[in-house]
Amino acid sequence: MLARVRIVRELGERTPGTYLGHRDDASDESADVVLETYASIGARAMDRVAELARKLRDAPPHPHVVRVLSVERIGQGLSVVTDFVDAIPLDDVFFGLSLGGRLRAVVDVLAALSAIHGAGVVHGGVLRGSSFVETTGRTKLGFAYRQPLCVRKETYAPEALLGDEAAIDARSDVYGAGVMLWEAVSGRVLFGNEPPERVVERQLAGRVDKALPTKSDRWARTLLPVVERALAIDPKERYASVAEMAAAVRIAVRACLMMHEDVVEEIWSAETKPKVTSGVQPAAQAAPIVADAAPEPETETETETETETESET
């Protein structure tokens, strides 16, 4: 396929070595593709990236996974061609969404993880930074073959931060999804750009803050046990699979999960919804990022008072 891809432009500083391509032999729906290039990452990592990308290429298409179209070795390097997604980075809008919208993205990502795990692939990276929101409101997961590149960087699972490659499995992605769920409930970043050694130090010392929803989202307290279990330091104490975690999330939120069309309305008003977005630059009128603005949490006193009042009633 690579021989039939024409390079259009580089896709900016966000993804160095990544290009927008066009297939002259394809229909309009699949003509635009993304070409990612890998070089100087070490022979072992290169082989592993190629192996995982091929597994995704051969896996059945999934609505929440960016599809891999081809994997080719070019000399000492590697090229991976994927679908071009009509979407914006989830990072650009996540904290501007309501809690229901953020949870919609989490559930979509859990569905994507379940699909790639079924293909024998562990993502291993930061999930919020690897996802995109389509103009349909659906969140798609990309870069799903980066796990060999993510040990001790761009990941949050303690076992990965400690460099224990043998311990990285589907439960490592459960931890990553737990971080994303923590951020959805709390409305702010958990670890952010902290260096790996600082993150794992906090984890092992038990100094990871508890997730707390804002006063206006008290109903989300039902998600706190789900967050706590997903963020267990010992992988054996986490959910055994993302499917199990997804079921727990849906049971906890019940009817409060936003629909995809509602996500569209939160990001784009009817007047400004774009006909085409790039998947690299945020669309016009995208919801603002408020990651640094910590919400006003419930206090223990308020929670206890509310519980006592309910008991008296």
C-alpha atoms as a PDB file:
ATOM      1  CA  MET A   1       0.000   0.000   0.000  1.00  0.00           C
ATOM      2  CA  LEU A   2       2.803   2.433   0.853  1.00  0.00           C
ATOM      3  CA  ALA A   3       3.784   2.710  -2.814  1.00  0.00           C
ATOM      4  CA  ARG A   4       0.292   4.010  -3.578  1.00  0.00           C
ATOM      5  CA  VAL A   5       0.276   6.693  -0.861  1.00  0.00           C
ATOM      6  CA  ARG A   6       1.076  10.260  -1.840  1.00  0.00           C
ATOM      7  CA  ILE A   7       2.371  12.482   0.975  1.00  0.00           C
ATOM      8  CA  VAL A   8       0.288  15.645   1.362  1.00  0.00           C
ATOM      9  CA  ARG A   9       1.833  17.314   4.426  1.00  0.00           C
ATOM     10  CA  GLU A  10       3.347  16.663   7.827  1.00  0.00           C
ATOM     11  CA  LEU A  11       0.840  16.597  10.648  1.00  0.00           C
ATOM     12  CA  GLY A  12       2.495  19.206  12.809  1.00  0.00           C
ATOM     13  CA  GLU A  13       4.497  19.228  16.020  1.00  0.00           C
ATOM     14  CA  ARG A  14       1.911  17.162  17.881  1.00  0.00           C
ATOM     15  CA  THR A  15       2.976  13.991  16.080  1.00  0.00           C
ATOM     16  CA  PRO A  16       6.509  14.298  14.619  1.00  0.00           C
ATOM     17  CA  GLY A  17       7.253  11.834  11.851  1.00  0.00           C
ATOM     18  CA  THR A  18       3.549  11.548  11.024  1.00  0.00           C
ATOM     19  CA  TYR A  19       2.117  12.594   7.669  1.00  0.00           C
ATOM     20  CA  LEU A  20      -1.226  13.069   5.994  1.00  0.00           C
ATOM     21  CA  GLY A  21      -1.333  10.919   2.882  1.00  0.00           C
ATOM     22  CA  HIS A  22      -3.707  10.380  -0.016  1.00  0.00           C
ATOM     23  CA  ARG A  23      -4.446   7.147  -1.881  1.00  0.00           C
ATOM     24  CA  ASP A  24      -5.183   7.921  -5.521  1.00  0.00           C
ATOM     25  CA  ASP A  25      -6.437   4.356  -6.046  1.00  0.00           C
ATOM     26  CA  ALA A  26      -9.051   4.506  -3.250  1.00  0.00           C
ATOM     27  CA  SER A  27     -12.614   5.741  -3.024  1.00  0.00           C
ATOM     28  CA  ASP A  28     -13.373   9.122  -1.488  1.00  0.00           C
ATOM     29  CA  GLU A  29     -14.283   7.531   1.850  1.00  0.00           C
ATOM     30  CA  SER A  30     -10.860   5.936   2.345  1.00  0.00           C
ATOM     31  CA  ALA A  31      -8.590   8.095   0.191  1.00  0.00           C
ATOM     32  CA  ASP A  32      -7.058  10.042   3.080  1.00  0.00           C
ATOM     33  CA  VAL A  33      -4.696   8.102   5.350  1.00  0.00           C
ATOM     34  CA  VAL A  34      -2.115   8.774   8.042  1.00  0.00           C
ATOM     35  CA  LEU A  35       1.474   7.566   7.583  1.00  0.00           C
ATOM     36  CA  GLU A  36       3.546   7.111  10.735  1.00  0.00           C
ATOM     37  CA  THR A  37       7.270   6.454  10.525  1.00  0.00           C
ATOM     38  CA  TYR A  38       9.500   4.826  13.134  1.00  0.00           C
ATOM     39  CA  ALA A  39      13.291   4.812  13.169  1.00  0.00           C
ATOM     40  CA  SER A  40      16.133   4.545  15.708  1.00  0.00           C
ATOM     41  CA  ILE A  41      14.007   2.875  18.382  1.00  0.00           C
ATOM     42  CA  GLY A  42      16.043  -0.322  18.649  1.00  0.00           C
ATOM     43  CA  ALA A  43      15.618  -3.611  16.828  1.00  0.00           C
ATOM     44  CA  ARG A  44      13.633  -5.310  19.606  1.00  0.00           C
ATOM     45  CA  ALA A  45      11.144  -2.460  19.953  1.00  0.00           C
ATOM     46  CA  MET A  46      10.852  -2.172  16.169  1.00  0.00           C
ATOM     47  CA  ASP A  47       9.992  -5.863  15.834  1.00  0.00           C
ATOM     48  CA  ARG A  48       7.426  -5.604  18.623  1.00  0.00           C
ATOM     49  CA  VAL A  49       5.762  -2.511  17.123  1.00  0.00           C
ATOM     50  CA  ALA A  50       5.554  -4.276  13.752  1.00  0.00           C
ATOM     51  CA  GLU A  51       4.082  -7.401  15.351  1.00  0.00           C
ATOM     52  CA  LEU A  52       1.364  -5.499  17.218  1.00  0.00           C
ATOM     53  CA  ALA A  53       0.525  -3.313  14.218  1.00  0.00           C
ATOM     54  CA  ARG A  54       0.067  -6.426  12.065  1.00  0.00           C
ATOM     55  CA  LYS A  55      -2.271  -7.927  14.665  1.00  0.00           C
ATOM     56  CA  LEU A  56      -4.414  -4.798  14.488  1.00  0.00           C
ATOM     57  CA  ARG A  57      -4.279  -4.778  10.703  1.00  0.00           C
ATOM     58  CA  ASP A  58      -5.657  -8.326  10.656  1.00  0.00           C
ATOM     59  CA  ALA A  59      -8.267  -7.730  13.384  1.00  0.00           C
ATOM     60  CA  PRO A  60     -11.916  -7.049  12.522  1.00  0.00           C
ATOM     61  CA  PRO A  61     -12.727  -3.312  12.177  1.00  0.00           C
ATOM     62  CA  HIS A  62     -14.103  -1.695  15.326  1.00  0.00           C
ATOM     63  CA  PRO A  63     -16.000   1.619  15.564  1.00  0.00           C
ATOM     64  CA  HIS A  64     -13.812   2.862  18.434  1.00  0.00           C
ATOM     65  CA  VAL A  65     -10.381   1.855  17.092  1.00  0.00           C
ATOM     66  CA  VAL A  66      -8.368   3.696  14.451  1.00  0.00           C
ATOM     67  CA  ARG A  67      -7.853   1.037  11.784  1.00  0.00           C
ATOM     68  CA  VAL A  68      -4.356  -0.067  10.736  1.00  0.00           C
ATOM     69  CA  LEU A  69      -4.214  -0.493   6.951  1.00  0.00           C
ATOM     70  CA  SER A  70      -0.626  -1.580   6.333  1.00  0.00           C
ATOM     71  CA  VAL A  71       2.694  -2.231   8.062  1.00  0.00           C
ATOM     72  CA  GLU A  72       5.925  -2.157   6.052  1.00  0.00           C
ATOM     73  CA  ARG A  73       9.633  -2.280   6.886  1.00  0.00           C
ATOM     74  CA  ILE A  74      11.652   0.388   5.111  1.00  0.00           C
ATOM     75  CA  GLY A  75      15.336  -0.348   5.550  1.00  0.00           C
ATOM     76  CA  GLN A  76      16.022  -0.067   9.280  1.00  0.00           C
ATOM     77  CA  GLY A  77      12.754   1.778   9.847  1.00  0.00           C
ATOM     78  CA  LEU A  78       9.049   1.029   9.872  1.00  0.00           C
ATOM     79  CA  SER A  79       5.999   2.678   8.350  1.00  0.00           C
ATOM     80  CA  VAL A  80       2.436   2.201   9.552  1.00  0.00           C
ATOM     81  CA  VAL A  81      -0.541   3.449   7.525  1.00  0.00           C
ATOM     82  CA  THR A  82      -3.827   4.033   9.344  1.00  0.00           C
ATOM     83  CA  ASP A  83      -7.201   5.531   8.550  1.00  0.00           C
ATOM     84  CA  PHE A  84      -7.431   9.306   8.612  1.00  0.00           C
ATOM     85  CA  VAL A  85     -10.008  10.092  11.303  1.00  0.00           C
ATOM     86  CA  ASP A  86     -12.331  13.069  10.891  1.00  0.00           C
ATOM     87  CA  ALA A  87     -11.832  14.058  14.513  1.00  0.00           C
ATOM     88  CA  ILE A  88     -10.113  16.311  17.034  1.00  0.00           C
ATOM     89  CA  PRO A  89      -7.783  15.190  19.841  1.00  0.00           C
ATOM     90  CA  LEU A  90      -9.712  14.207  22.957  1.00  0.00           C
ATOM     91  CA  ASP A  91      -7.144  16.150  25.001  1.00  0.00           C
ATOM     92  CA  ASP A  92      -8.371  19.381  23.397  1.00  0.00           C
ATOM     93  CA  VAL A  93     -11.937  19.018  24.640  1.00  0.00           C
ATOM     94  CA  PHE A  94     -12.025  16.460  27.463  1.00  0.00           C
ATOM     95  CA  PHE A  95     -12.107  18.844  30.421  1.00  0.00           C
ATOM     96  CA  GLY A  96     -14.518  21.152  28.634  1.00  0.00           C
ATOM     97  CA  LEU A  97     -17.150  18.415  28.451  1.00  0.00           C
ATOM     98  CA  SER A  98     -19.725  17.790  31.149  1.00  0.00           C
ATOM     99  CA  LEU A  99     -19.178  14.763  33.384  1.00  0.00           C
ATOM    100  CA  GLY A 100     -21.663  12.785  31.289  1.00  0.00           C
ATOM    101  CA  GLY A 101     -19.679  13.616  28.157  1.00  0.00           C
ATOM    102  CA  ARG A 102     -16.367  12.687  29.741  1.00  0.00           C
ATOM    103  CA  LEU A 103     -17.811   9.362  30.863  1.00  0.00           C
ATOM    104  CA  ARG A 104     -19.062   8.741  27.328  1.00  0.00           C
ATOM    105  CA  ALA A 105     -15.458   9.059  26.126  1.00  0.00           C
ATOM    106  CA  VAL A 106     -14.235   6.703  28.873  1.00  0.00           C
ATOM    107  CA  VAL A 107     -16.789   4.048  27.930  1.00  0.00           C
ATOM    108  CA  ASP A 108     -15.849   4.375  24.256  1.00  0.00           C
ATOM    109  CA  VAL A 109     -12.171   3.910  25.106  1.00  0.00           C
ATOM    110  CA  LEU A 110     -12.983   0.860  27.245  1.00  0.00           C
ATOM    111  CA  ALA A 111     -14.784  -0.643  24.237  1.00  0.00           C
ATOM    112  CA  ALA A 112     -11.721   0.050  22.091  1.00  0.00           C
ATOM    113  CA  LEU A 113      -9.390  -1.558  24.631  1.00  0.00           C
ATOM    114  CA  SER A 114     -11.587  -4.642  24.819  1.00  0.00           C
ATOM    115  CA  ALA A 115     -11.374  -4.972  21.035  1.00  0.00           C
ATOM    116  CA  ILE A 116      -7.585  -4.641  20.805  1.00  0.00           C
ATOM    117  CA  HIS A 117      -7.086  -6.986  23.756  1.00  0.00           C
ATOM    118  CA  GLY A 118      -9.124  -9.528  21.814  1.00  0.00           C
ATOM    119  CA  ALA A 119      -6.584  -9.120  18.991  1.00  0.00           C
ATOM    120  CA  GLY A 120      -3.720  -9.803  21.400  1.00  0.00           C
ATOM    121  CA  VAL A 121      -2.610  -6.156  21.704  1.00  0.00           C
ATOM    122  CA  VAL A 122      -1.967  -4.202  24.906  1.00  0.00           C
ATOM    123  CA  HIS A 123      -2.060  -0.434  24.404  1.00  0.00           C
ATOM    124  CA  GLY A 124       0.217   0.517  27.284  1.00  0.00           C
ATOM    125  CA  GLY A 125       0.109   4.284  26.727  1.00  0.00           C
ATOM    126  CA  VAL A 126      -1.740   7.312  28.059  1.00  0.00           C
ATOM    127  CA  LEU A 127      -5.294   6.777  26.838  1.00  0.00           C
ATOM    128  CA  ARG A 128      -6.641  10.327  26.903  1.00  0.00           C
ATOM    129  CA  GLY A 129      -3.672  11.512  24.844  1.00  0.00           C
ATOM    130  CA  SER A 130      -4.129   8.692  22.325  1.00  0.00           C
ATOM    131  CA  SER A 131      -7.817   9.270  21.584  1.00  0.00           C
ATOM    132  CA  PHE A 132      -9.809  11.374  19.157  1.00  0.00           C
ATOM    133  CA  VAL A 133     -13.425  12.590  19.092  1.00  0.00           C
ATOM    134  CA  GLU A 134     -15.104  12.241  15.723  1.00  0.00           C
ATOM    135  CA  THR A 135     -17.664  14.746  14.460  1.00  0.00           C
ATOM    136  CA  THR A 136     -20.242  12.040  15.261  1.00  0.00           C
ATOM    137  CA  GLY A 137     -19.358  12.349  18.968  1.00  0.00           C
ATOM    138  CA  ARG A 138     -17.732   8.916  19.022  1.00  0.00           C
ATOM    139  CA  THR A 139     -14.285   8.576  20.629  1.00  0.00           C
ATOM    140  CA  LYS A 140     -11.690   6.477  18.825  1.00  0.00           C
ATOM    141  CA  LEU A 141      -8.452   5.084  20.230  1.00  0.00           C
ATOM    142  CA  GLY A 142      -5.275   5.343  18.195  1.00  0.00           C
ATOM    143  CA  PHE A 143      -1.566   4.563  18.576  1.00  0.00           C
ATOM    144  CA  ALA A 144      -2.587   1.126  19.834  1.00  0.00           C
ATOM    145  CA  TYR A 145       0.726  -0.484  18.962  1.00  0.00           C
ATOM    146  CA  ARG A 146       2.928   1.828  21.044  1.00  0.00           C
ATOM    147  CA  GLN A 147       3.269  -0.362  24.134  1.00  0.00           C
ATOM    148  CA  PRO A 148       6.910  -1.338  23.420  1.00  0.00           C
ATOM    149  CA  LEU A 149       7.752   2.383  23.276  1.00  0.00           C
ATOM    150  CA  CYS A 150       5.917   3.324  26.461  1.00  0.00           C
ATOM    151  CA  VAL A 151       7.833   1.586  29.250  1.00  0.00           C
ATOM    152  CA  ARG A 152       8.754   4.317  31.747  1.00  0.00           C
ATOM    153  CA  LYS A 153       7.293   7.062  29.577  1.00  0.00           C
ATOM    154  CA  GLU A 154       3.864   8.043  28.340  1.00  0.00           C
ATOM    155  CA  THR A 155       2.233   5.533  30.648  1.00  0.00           C
ATOM    156  CA  TYR A 156       0.819   5.445  34.174  1.00  0.00           C
ATOM    157  CA  ALA A 157       0.690   1.765  35.132  1.00  0.00           C
ATOM    158  CA  PRO A 158       3.135   1.238  38.039  1.00  0.00           C
ATOM    159  CA  GLU A 159       4.565  -1.958  36.566  1.00  0.00           C
ATOM    160  CA  ALA A 160       5.386  -0.133  33.328  1.00  0.00           C
ATOM    161  CA  LEU A 161       6.926   2.824  35.167  1.00  0.00           C
ATOM    162  CA  LEU A 162       9.114   0.374  37.082  1.00  0.00           C
ATOM    163  CA  GLY A 163      10.310  -1.093  33.778  1.00  0.00           C
ATOM    164  CA  ASP A 164       8.848  -4.555  34.399  1.00  0.00           C
ATOM    165  CA  GLU A 165       7.952  -5.413  30.808  1.00  0.00           C
ATOM    166  CA  ALA A 166       6.970  -8.980  31.732  1.00  0.00           C
ATOM    167  CA  ALA A 167       4.245  -7.637  34.042  1.00  0.00           C
ATOM    168  CA  ILE A 168       2.586  -5.468  31.388  1.00  0.00           C
ATOM    169  CA  ASP A 169      -0.714  -7.004  30.282  1.00  0.00           C
ATOM    170  CA  ALA A 170      -4.388  -6.096  29.893  1.00  0.00           C
ATOM    171  CA  ARG A 171      -4.550  -5.042  33.543  1.00  0.00           C
ATOM    172  CA  SER A 172      -1.987  -2.339  32.775  1.00  0.00           C
ATOM    173  CA  ASP A 173      -4.586  -0.832  30.456  1.00  0.00           C
ATOM    174  CA  VAL A 174      -7.148  -1.182  33.252  1.00  0.00           C
ATOM    175  CA  TYR A 175      -4.920   1.117  35.312  1.00  0.00           C
ATOM    176  CA  GLY A 176      -4.661   3.560  32.406  1.00  0.00           C
ATOM    177  CA  ALA A 177      -8.452   3.533  32.074  1.00  0.00           C
ATOM    178  CA  GLY A 178      -8.662   4.091  35.838  1.00  0.00           C
ATOM    179  CA  VAL A 179      -6.587   7.249  35.478  1.00  0.00           C
ATOM    180  CA  MET A 180      -8.903   8.433  32.710  1.00  0.00           C
ATOM    181  CA  LEU A 181     -11.962   7.653  34.842  1.00  0.00           C
ATOM    182  CA  TRP A 182     -10.409   9.486  37.834  1.00  0.00           C
ATOM    183  CA  GLU A 183      -9.944  12.545  35.617  1.00  0.00           C
ATOM    184  CA  ALA A 184     -13.493  12.269  34.256  1.00  0.00           C
ATOM    185  CA  VAL A 185     -14.988  12.176  37.767  1.00  0.00           C
ATOM    186  CA  SER A 186     -12.720  14.855  39.246  1.00  0.00           C
ATOM    187  CA  GLY A 187     -12.641  17.149  36.231  1.00  0.00           C
ATOM    188  CA  ARG A 188      -8.877  17.669  36.432  1.00  0.00           C
ATOM    189  CA  VAL A 189      -5.567  16.032  35.549  1.00  0.00           C
ATOM    190  CA  LEU A 190      -4.270  13.352  37.931  1.00  0.00           C
ATOM    191  CA  PHE A 191      -0.575  13.048  37.040  1.00  0.00           C
ATOM    192  CA  GLY A 192      -0.174  15.355  34.064  1.00  0.00           C
ATOM    193  CA  ASN A 193       3.421  15.917  32.974  1.00  0.00           C
ATOM    194  CA  GLU A 194       5.045  14.687  36.173  1.00  0.00           C
ATOM    195  CA  PRO A 195       8.232  12.679  35.468  1.00  0.00           C
ATOM    196  CA  PRO A 196       7.856   8.878  35.679  1.00  0.00           C
ATOM    197  CA  GLU A 197       9.921   8.605  38.852  1.00  0.00           C
ATOM    198  CA  ARG A 198       7.673  11.119  40.612  1.00  0.00           C
ATOM    199  CA  VAL A 199       4.500   9.344  39.493  1.00  0.00           C
ATOM    200  CA  VAL A 200       5.635   5.905  40.644  1.00  0.00           C
ATOM    201  CA  GLU A 201       6.898   7.393  43.913  1.00  0.00           C
ATOM    202  CA  ARG A 202       3.414   8.752  44.623  1.00  0.00           C
ATOM    203  CA  GLN A 203       1.819   5.462  43.648  1.00  0.00           C
ATOM    204  CA  LEU A 204       3.996   3.247  45.827  1.00  0.00           C
ATOM    205  CA  ALA A 205       3.709   5.648  48.778  1.00  0.00           C
ATOM    206  CA  GLY A 206      -0.096   5.672  48.547  1.00  0.00           C
ATOM    207  CA  ARG A 207      -0.176   9.416  47.863  1.00  0.00           C
ATOM    208  CA  VAL A 208      -2.531   9.352  44.884  1.00  0.00           C
ATOM    209  CA  ASP A 209      -5.435  11.672  45.625  1.00  0.00           C
ATOM    210  CA  LYS A 210      -8.917  10.260  45.918  1.00  0.00           C
ATOM    211  CA  ALA A 211     -11.301  11.089  43.093  1.00  0.00           C
ATOM    212  CA  LEU A 212     -13.940  13.602  44.179  1.00  0.00           C
ATOM    213  CA  PRO A 213     -16.797  14.827  41.984  1.00  0.00           C
ATOM    214  CA  THR A 214     -18.025  18.413  42.242  1.00  0.00           C
ATOM    215  CA  LYS A 215     -21.078  19.276  44.326  1.00  0.00           C
ATOM    216  CA  SER A 216     -23.210  19.481  41.182  1.00  0.00           C
ATOM    217  CA  ASP A 217     -22.187  15.924  40.198  1.00  0.00           C
ATOM    218  CA  ARG A 218     -22.788  14.121  43.494  1.00  0.00           C
ATOM    219  CA  TRP A 219     -24.400  11.233  41.657  1.00  0.00           C
ATOM    220  CA  ALA A 220     -20.923  10.283  40.408  1.00  0.00           C
ATOM    221  CA  ARG A 221     -19.915   9.100  43.901  1.00  0.00           C
ATOM    222  CA  THR A 222     -21.133   5.671  42.795  1.00  0.00           C
ATOM    223  CA  LEU A 223     -18.071   5.552  40.525  1.00  0.00           C
ATOM    224  CA  LEU A 224     -15.530   5.983  43.324  1.00  0.00           C
ATOM    225  CA  PRO A 225     -15.232   2.236  44.147  1.00  0.00           C
ATOM    226  CA  VAL A 226     -14.689   1.570  40.427  1.00  0.00           C
ATOM    227  CA  VAL A 227     -11.882   4.147  40.293  1.00  0.00           C
ATOM    228  CA  GLU A 228     -10.259   2.778  43.439  1.00  0.00           C
ATOM    229  CA  ARG A 229     -10.221  -0.799  42.177  1.00  0.00           C
ATOM    230  CA  ALA A 230      -8.928   0.162  38.718  1.00  0.00           C
ATOM    231  CA  LEU A 231      -6.058   2.116  40.324  1.00  0.00           C
ATOM    232  CA  ALA A 232      -4.903  -0.677  42.621  1.00  0.00           C
ATOM    233  CA  ILE A 233      -1.104  -0.879  42.735  1.00  0.00           C
ATOM    234  CA  ASP A 234      -1.153  -4.686  42.585  1.00  0.00           C
ATOM    235  CA  PRO A 235      -2.467  -5.726  39.135  1.00  0.00           C
ATOM    236  CA  LYS A 236      -4.157  -8.752  40.741  1.00  0.00           C
ATOM    237  CA  GLU A 237      -6.412  -6.421  42.723  1.00  0.00           C
ATOM    238  CA  ARG A 238      -7.634  -4.553  39.630  1.00  0.00           C
ATOM    239  CA  TYR A 239     -10.438  -5.622  37.326  1.00  0.00           C
ATOM    240  CA  ALA A 240      -9.360  -8.714  35.442  1.00  0.00           C
ATOM    241  CA  SER A 241     -10.410  -7.148  32.136  1.00  0.00           C
ATOM    242  CA  VAL A 242     -11.573  -3.846  30.713  1.00  0.00           C
ATOM    243  CA  ALA A 243     -14.896  -5.539  29.889  1.00  0.00           C
ATOM    244  CA  GLU A 244     -15.432  -6.146  33.596  1.00  0.00           C
ATOM    245  CA  MET A 245     -14.504  -2.536  34.352  1.00  0.00           C
ATOM    246  CA  ALA A 246     -16.818  -1.249  31.617  1.00  0.00           C
ATOM    247  CA  ALA A 247     -19.733  -3.211  33.092  1.00  0.00           C
ATOM    248  CA  ALA A 248     -19.003  -1.726  36.529  1.00  0.00           C
ATOM    249  CA  VAL A 249     -18.938   1.805  35.065  1.00  0.00           C
ATOM    250  CA  ARG A 250     -22.262   1.357  33.268  1.00  0.00           C
ATOM    251  CA  ILE A 251     -23.925  -0.049  36.386  1.00  0.00           C
ATOM    252  CA  ALA A 252     -22.621   2.852  38.451  1.00  0.00           C
ATOM    253  CA  VAL A 253     -23.707   5.652  36.106  1.00  0.00           C
ATOM    254  CA  ARG A 254     -26.984   4.109  34.894  1.00  0.00           C
ATOM    255  CA  ALA A 255     -28.856   6.718  32.815  1.00  0.00           C
ATOM    256  CA  CYS A 256     -26.302   9.511  33.323  1.00  0.00           C
ATOM    257  CA  LEU A 257     -24.109   8.400  30.432  1.00  0.00           C
ATOM    258  CA  MET A 258     -24.319  10.910  27.584  1.00  0.00           C
ATOM    259  CA  MET A 259     -25.210   9.869  24.042  1.00  0.00           C
ATOM    260  CA  HIS A 260     -22.827  10.548  21.156  1.00  0.00           C
ATOM    261  CA  GLU A 261     -25.105  13.150  19.589  1.00  0.00           C
ATOM    262  CA  ASP A 262     -25.144  15.048  22.882  1.00  0.00           C
ATOM    263  CA  VAL A 263     -21.336  15.088  22.886  1.00  0.00           C
ATOM    264  CA  VAL A 264     -21.483  16.729  19.446  1.00  0.00           C
ATOM    265  CA  GLU A 265     -23.777  19.433  20.800  1.00  0.00           C
ATOM    266  CA  GLU A 266     -21.413  20.117  23.705  1.00  0.00           C
ATOM    267  CA  ILE A 267     -18.377  20.502  21.463  1.00  0.00           C
ATOM    268  CA  TRP A 268     -19.890  22.206  18.453  1.00  0.00           C
ATOM    269  CA  SER A 269     -22.983  24.348  18.272  1.00  0.00           C
ATOM    270  CA  ALA A 270     -25.210  23.859  15.247  1.00  0.00           C
ATOM    271  CA  GLU A 271     -23.821  27.049  13.655  1.00  0.00           C
ATOM    272  CA  THR A 272     -20.151  26.188  14.069  1.00  0.00           C
ATOM    273  CA  LYS A 273     -20.050  22.406  13.668  1.00  0.00           C
ATOM    274  CA  PRO A 274     -17.329  21.841  11.054  1.00  0.00           C
ATOM    275  CA  LYS A 275     -17.912  19.828   7.923  1.00  0.00           C
ATOM    276  CA  VAL A 276     -14.272  18.688   7.973  1.00  0.00           C
ATOM    277  CA  THR A 277     -11.781  18.567  10.834  1.00  0.00           C
ATOM    278  CA  SER A 278      -8.137  17.581  10.682  1.00  0.00           C
ATOM    279  CA  GLY A 279      -7.590  15.242  13.606  1.00  0.00           C
ATOM    280  CA  VAL A 280      -4.597  17.409  14.486  1.00  0.00           C
ATOM    281  CA  GLN A 281      -5.762  20.953  15.060  1.00  0.00           C
ATOM    282  CA  PRO A 282      -8.826  21.568  17.278  1.00  0.00           C
ATOM    283  CA  ALA A 283     -11.989  22.438  15.391  1.00  0.00           C
ATOM    284  CA  ALA A 284     -13.473  25.903  15.585  1.00  0.00           C
ATOM    285  CA  GLN A 285     -15.461  26.632  18.715  1.00  0.00           C
ATOM    286  CA  ALA A 286     -14.213  23.493  20.461  1.00  0.00           C
ATOM    287  CA  ALA A 287     -14.985  23.287  24.151  1.00  0.00           C
ATOM    288  CA  PRO A 288     -12.224  25.007  26.149  1.00  0.00           C
ATOM    289  CA  ILE A 289      -9.651  23.147  28.201  1.00  0.00           C
ATOM    290  CA  VAL A 290     -10.003  23.712  31.919  1.00  0.00           C
ATOM    291  CA  ALA A 291      -7.592  21.052  33.100  1.00  0.00           C
ATOM    292  CA  ASP A 292      -5.826  23.382  35.513  1.00  0.00           C
ATOM    293  CA  ALA A 293      -9.013  24.530  37.197  1.00  0.00           C
ATOM    294  CA  ALA A 294      -9.657  22.127  40.030  1.00  0.00           C
ATOM    295  CA  PRO A 295     -13.370  21.744  40.845  1.00  0.00           C
ATOM    296  CA  GLU A 296     -14.802  22.417  44.244  1.00  0.00           C
ATOM    297  CA  PRO A 297     -14.956  18.968  45.854  1.00  0.00           C
ATOM    298  CA  GLU A 298     -17.397  17.716  48.398  1.00  0.00           C
ATOM    299  CA  THR A 299     -16.113  17.768  51.925  1.00  0.00           C
ATOM    300  CA  GLU A 300     -16.407  14.809  54.244  1.00  0.00           C
ATOM    301  CA  THR A 301     -18.536  16.920  56.579  1.00  0.00           C
ATOM    302  CA  GLU A 302     -21.035  17.715  53.839  1.00  0.00           C
ATOM    303  CA  THR A 303     -21.224  14.085  52.793  1.00  0.00           C
ATOM    304  CA  GLU A 304     -21.713  12.869  56.339  1.00  0.00           C
ATOM    305  CA  THR A 305     -24.405  15.496  56.993  1.00  0.00           C
ATOM    306  CA  GLU A 306     -26.238  14.524  53.835  1.00  0.00           C
ATOM    307  CA  THR A 307     -26.100  10.846  54.818  1.00  0.00           C
ATOM    308  CA  GLU A 308     -27.403  11.578  58.330  1.00  0.00           C
ATOM    309  CA  THR A 309     -30.261  13.657  56.900  1.00  0.00           C
ATOM    310  CA  GLU A 310     -31.230  10.887  54.527  1.00  0.00           C
ATOM    311  CA  SER A 311     -31.170   8.392  57.410  1.00  0.00           C
ATOM    312  CA  GLU A 312     -33.417  10.570  59.556  1.00  0.00           C
ATOM    313  CA  THR A 313     -35.833  10.933  56.662  1.00  0.00           C
END
